[in-house]
Structures are given as structure tokens and as C-alpha cells.
Amino acid sequence: MNGLIAVSVVVPFVFLVLWFLASLWLAHRKDAELNQRLPDTLSYKWGYFLGYSGVIGAVGLAVSAVAVQLAGVGDGWSLVVLAWAVLFGVASYGVLQRRRWGWLFHIPLSLNPGLWAFNSVYASNRWRELVRQ
């Protein structure tokens, strides 16, 4: 039983760390490409990090919701989680593509008032750049 508890704590923790590190690495790489292509633009590392972590997280959550639904233990909520994951994944993709609509949907779908405030300021500082690429 202790082994099962350890696995149920360690495995999700390892996935979270890998999710964070992959998003961070991809964001740095994508921002370097942006700065080479458009040297006069502001850094977009946070936007890329949000986009990559959102897409990766949404895919993981959608797969989990489908697995729960197929196992028959979803109790109806897994469909709500699946719908949210799809919407959040699409919004995160929009943030990755530096699109205004991505930010407009990503901010409220993040369901975190602290991130709402921070991301609203971040996006507004880059609003003009999000149109021209």
C-alpha cells in the first residue's frame, strides 16, 4: 500500500516537472526565433510559456477526461472537463500564435484571478505587436 501511495505522488510530480521544463525550454527556443526574425519586438517568453504549458496541459487533461469517461467513473463532470480542456487548448494555441483572440479567451479560461490581472497587463503591453508580425 505504501508503494501505491508513493507512486500516486511521485508520478504526477514527475509529470508536472517535465511539463514545466518542456514548456520553459520550448518558450525560450521560440522567443529566440522571434527575436531573430523581428529584433524590434518585445520579448514574448511569458506568452510562449503560457501557450506551450496550456496546450500540453490541455492535451493531458483531455486524455485524462476521456479515460475517466471510458472507465465509466466520470459522473458527467469528465465531459465538462473535456470541453474546458478543448477550449483552453485552442486559446493557448492562439497565444502561441501571438493572436489577440488567443489572449481574449485564454485569460478568463485560466480560472485564476491572479493570472487574470498579470496576463491582462502583459497582453496589453504587447497588444499592438500582436497584430503586426
Foldseek 3Di string as FASTA:
>chain_A
DVVVVCCVPVVVVVVVVVLQVVLQVQLVVVQVVVCVVPVPADGCSVLSSQLSSLQVVLVVLLVVLVVCVVVVNNPPVSVVSNVLSVQSNVLSVCSNLLAPVSLVSNLVSVVDVVSNVVSVVVCVVCVVVSVPD
